[in-house]
Amino acid sequence: WLQDQAHTTRLFCSSTTSSKSKNSGKLTFIGGGKMAEVMIAKTHNSFETVNVVELHEERRAYLQDKFNVTAFPKITNDEHKKQLFEETDVVVLAVKPQNVNGVFESLRHQLNP
């Protein structure tokens, strides 16, 4: 499974980092765990702005220090959701499976296909 996940991550990252120059886009991760860290490591230099929403303070600090991303503790209200997702080009959902439904429900008005 890990080998398949690493292969998928390489495919995702190679498709988003084909250019060495920064993209003017904005990338937002919902979740800042190990899965997100791998993707952030491969993509953070390809976007002008990278945001991460992560509940754990130590993890937020680690991601900010290591990758110079902007980390948020949680999405607290509709205004915060609007601010976080305004002009976001890519949203990556990197949460545990048992949390997916709750995340989708809380973000359903901000995320449009």
C-alpha atoms as a PDB file:
ATOM      1  CA  TRP A   1       0.000   0.000   0.000  1.00  0.00           C
ATOM      2  CA  LEU A   2       2.758   2.473   0.894  1.00  0.00           C
ATOM      3  CA  GLN A   3       4.508   1.802  -2.382  1.00  0.00           C
ATOM      4  CA  ASP A   4       1.264   2.500  -4.282  1.00  0.00           C
ATOM      5  CA  GLN A   5       0.704   5.684  -2.251  1.00  0.00           C
ATOM      6  CA  ALA A   6       4.253   6.888  -2.925  1.00  0.00           C
ATOM      7  CA  HIS A   7       3.788   6.222  -6.656  1.00  0.00           C
ATOM      8  CA  THR A   8       0.505   8.155  -6.683  1.00  0.00           C
ATOM      9  CA  THR A   9       2.128  11.018  -4.791  1.00  0.00           C
ATOM     10  CA  ARG A  10       5.010  11.130  -7.279  1.00  0.00           C
ATOM     11  CA  LEU A  11       2.531  11.270 -10.154  1.00  0.00           C
ATOM     12  CA  PHE A  12       0.546  14.071  -8.494  1.00  0.00           C
ATOM     13  CA  CYS A  13       3.646  16.039  -7.612  1.00  0.00           C
ATOM     14  CA  SER A  14       5.324  15.655 -10.972  1.00  0.00           C
ATOM     15  CA  SER A  15       2.212  16.931 -12.695  1.00  0.00           C
ATOM     16  CA  THR A  16       2.063  19.996 -10.454  1.00  0.00           C
ATOM     17  CA  THR A  17       5.756  20.809 -10.381  1.00  0.00           C
ATOM     18  CA  SER A  18       6.744  20.504 -14.013  1.00  0.00           C
ATOM     19  CA  SER A  19       7.963  24.092 -13.996  1.00  0.00           C
ATOM     20  CA  LYS A  20      10.761  25.323 -11.738  1.00  0.00           C
ATOM     21  CA  SER A  21       9.259  28.811 -11.527  1.00  0.00           C
ATOM     22  CA  LYS A  22       6.551  29.739  -9.066  1.00  0.00           C
ATOM     23  CA  ASN A  23       3.000  29.527 -10.211  1.00  0.00           C
ATOM     24  CA  SER A  24       0.888  32.523  -9.296  1.00  0.00           C
ATOM     25  CA  GLY A  25      -1.671  30.143  -7.847  1.00  0.00           C
ATOM     26  CA  LYS A  26      -2.803  29.307  -4.372  1.00  0.00           C
ATOM     27  CA  LEU A  27      -2.800  25.790  -2.922  1.00  0.00           C
ATOM     28  CA  THR A  28      -4.743  24.872   0.234  1.00  0.00           C
ATOM     29  CA  PHE A  29      -4.386  21.648   2.207  1.00  0.00           C
ATOM     30  CA  ILE A  30      -7.102  20.562   4.606  1.00  0.00           C
ATOM     31  CA  GLY A  31      -5.085  18.453   7.014  1.00  0.00           C
ATOM     32  CA  GLY A  32      -1.388  18.680   7.707  1.00  0.00           C
ATOM     33  CA  GLY A  33      -0.411  15.121   8.557  1.00  0.00           C
ATOM     34  CA  LYS A  34       2.212  12.922   6.949  1.00  0.00           C
ATOM     35  CA  MET A  35       0.290  12.480   3.688  1.00  0.00           C
ATOM     36  CA  ALA A  36      -0.019  16.246   3.319  1.00  0.00           C
ATOM     37  CA  GLU A  37       3.628  16.748   4.264  1.00  0.00           C
ATOM     38  CA  VAL A  38       4.802  14.600   1.354  1.00  0.00           C
ATOM     39  CA  MET A  39       2.684  16.591  -1.089  1.00  0.00           C
ATOM     40  CA  ILE A  40       3.686  19.938   0.448  1.00  0.00           C
ATOM     41  CA  ALA A  41       7.360  18.986   0.182  1.00  0.00           C
ATOM     42  CA  LYS A  42       6.969  18.430  -3.550  1.00  0.00           C
ATOM     43  CA  THR A  43       4.685  21.364  -4.343  1.00  0.00           C
ATOM     44  CA  HIS A  44       5.334  24.277  -1.965  1.00  0.00           C
ATOM     45  CA  ASN A  45       7.894  25.917  -4.274  1.00  0.00           C
ATOM     46  CA  SER A  46       5.524  25.733  -7.238  1.00  0.00           C
ATOM     47  CA  PHE A  47       2.825  27.979  -5.795  1.00  0.00           C
ATOM     48  CA  GLU A  48       2.860  31.582  -4.708  1.00  0.00           C
ATOM     49  CA  THR A  49       0.756  30.747  -1.651  1.00  0.00           C
ATOM     50  CA  VAL A  50       0.369  27.469   0.232  1.00  0.00           C
ATOM     51  CA  ASN A  51      -2.118  27.272   3.105  1.00  0.00           C
ATOM     52  CA  VAL A  52      -2.586  24.382   5.511  1.00  0.00           C
ATOM     53  CA  VAL A  53      -5.469  23.883   7.920  1.00  0.00           C
ATOM     54  CA  GLU A  54      -4.203  21.689  10.762  1.00  0.00           C
ATOM     55  CA  LEU A  55      -5.735  21.258  14.219  1.00  0.00           C
ATOM     56  CA  HIS A  56      -2.542  20.343  16.104  1.00  0.00           C
ATOM     57  CA  GLU A  57      -0.405  23.326  17.118  1.00  0.00           C
ATOM     58  CA  GLU A  58       2.921  21.463  17.052  1.00  0.00           C
ATOM     59  CA  ARG A  59       2.222  20.139  13.575  1.00  0.00           C
ATOM     60  CA  ARG A  60       1.269  23.621  12.297  1.00  0.00           C
ATOM     61  CA  ALA A  61       4.503  25.067  13.681  1.00  0.00           C
ATOM     62  CA  TYR A  62       6.537  22.267  12.114  1.00  0.00           C
ATOM     63  CA  LEU A  63       4.993  22.774   8.649  1.00  0.00           C
ATOM     64  CA  GLN A  64       5.414  26.550   8.871  1.00  0.00           C
ATOM     65  CA  ASP A  65       9.068  26.249   9.864  1.00  0.00           C
ATOM     66  CA  LYS A  66       9.999  23.536   7.387  1.00  0.00           C
ATOM     67  CA  PHE A  67       8.073  24.730   4.297  1.00  0.00           C
ATOM     68  CA  ASN A  68       7.250  28.380   4.974  1.00  0.00           C
ATOM     69  CA  VAL A  69       3.528  27.765   4.511  1.00  0.00           C
ATOM     70  CA  THR A  70       0.686  29.647   6.169  1.00  0.00           C
ATOM     71  CA  ALA A  71      -1.021  27.400   8.718  1.00  0.00           C
ATOM     72  CA  PHE A  72      -4.455  27.853  10.253  1.00  0.00           C
ATOM     73  CA  PRO A  73      -5.735  26.080  13.384  1.00  0.00           C
ATOM     74  CA  LYS A  74      -9.233  25.508  12.035  1.00  0.00           C
ATOM     75  CA  ILE A  75     -11.928  27.042   9.922  1.00  0.00           C
ATOM     76  CA  THR A  76     -14.177  28.757  12.429  1.00  0.00           C
ATOM     77  CA  ASN A  77     -16.836  30.654  10.497  1.00  0.00           C
ATOM     78  CA  ASP A  78     -18.126  31.503   7.037  1.00  0.00           C
ATOM     79  CA  GLU A  79     -15.977  34.639   6.766  1.00  0.00           C
ATOM     80  CA  HIS A  80     -12.868  32.626   7.601  1.00  0.00           C
ATOM     81  CA  LYS A  81     -13.859  30.012   5.008  1.00  0.00           C
ATOM     82  CA  LYS A  82     -14.294  32.706   2.387  1.00  0.00           C
ATOM     83  CA  GLN A  83     -10.940  34.291   3.235  1.00  0.00           C
ATOM     84  CA  LEU A  84      -9.110  30.967   3.192  1.00  0.00           C
ATOM     85  CA  PHE A  85     -10.572  29.681  -0.062  1.00  0.00           C
ATOM     86  CA  GLU A  86     -10.865  32.922  -2.013  1.00  0.00           C
ATOM     87  CA  GLU A  87      -8.871  32.538  -5.206  1.00  0.00           C
ATOM     88  CA  THR A  88      -7.619  29.083  -4.207  1.00  0.00           C
ATOM     89  CA  ASP A  89      -6.727  27.161  -7.322  1.00  0.00           C
ATOM     90  CA  VAL A  90      -6.295  23.730  -5.743  1.00  0.00           C
ATOM     91  CA  VAL A  91      -7.720  22.286  -2.528  1.00  0.00           C
ATOM     92  CA  VAL A  92      -6.207  19.029  -1.296  1.00  0.00           C
ATOM     93  CA  LEU A  93      -8.219  17.075   1.229  1.00  0.00           C
ATOM     94  CA  ALA A  94      -5.646  15.261   3.387  1.00  0.00           C
ATOM     95  CA  VAL A  95      -7.658  14.068   6.379  1.00  0.00           C
ATOM     96  CA  LYS A  96      -8.339  10.676   7.881  1.00  0.00           C
ATOM     97  CA  PRO A  97     -11.188   8.773   6.233  1.00  0.00           C
ATOM     98  CA  GLN A  98     -13.399   8.986   9.324  1.00  0.00           C
ATOM     99  CA  ASN A  99     -13.228  12.813   9.115  1.00  0.00           C
ATOM    100  CA  VAL A 100     -14.027  13.226   5.413  1.00  0.00           C
ATOM    101  CA  ASN A 101     -17.810  13.580   5.769  1.00  0.00           C
ATOM    102  CA  GLY A 102     -17.513  16.253   8.440  1.00  0.00           C
ATOM    103  CA  VAL A 103     -14.992  18.213   6.375  1.00  0.00           C
ATOM    104  CA  PHE A 104     -17.135  18.021   3.245  1.00  0.00           C
ATOM    105  CA  GLU A 105     -20.189  19.156   5.182  1.00  0.00           C
ATOM    106  CA  SER A 106     -18.410  22.153   6.678  1.00  0.00           C
ATOM    107  CA  LEU A 107     -16.912  23.210   3.343  1.00  0.00           C
ATOM    108  CA  ARG A 108     -19.751  22.446   0.945  1.00  0.00           C
ATOM    109  CA  HIS A 109     -20.581  26.101   0.287  1.00  0.00           C
ATOM    110  CA  GLN A 110     -16.974  27.103  -0.380  1.00  0.00           C
ATOM    111  CA  LEU A 111     -15.917  24.334  -2.743  1.00  0.00           C
ATOM    112  CA  ASN A 112     -17.339  24.323  -6.242  1.00  0.00           C
ATOM    113  CA  PRO A 113     -16.256  21.901  -8.978  1.00  0.00           C
END
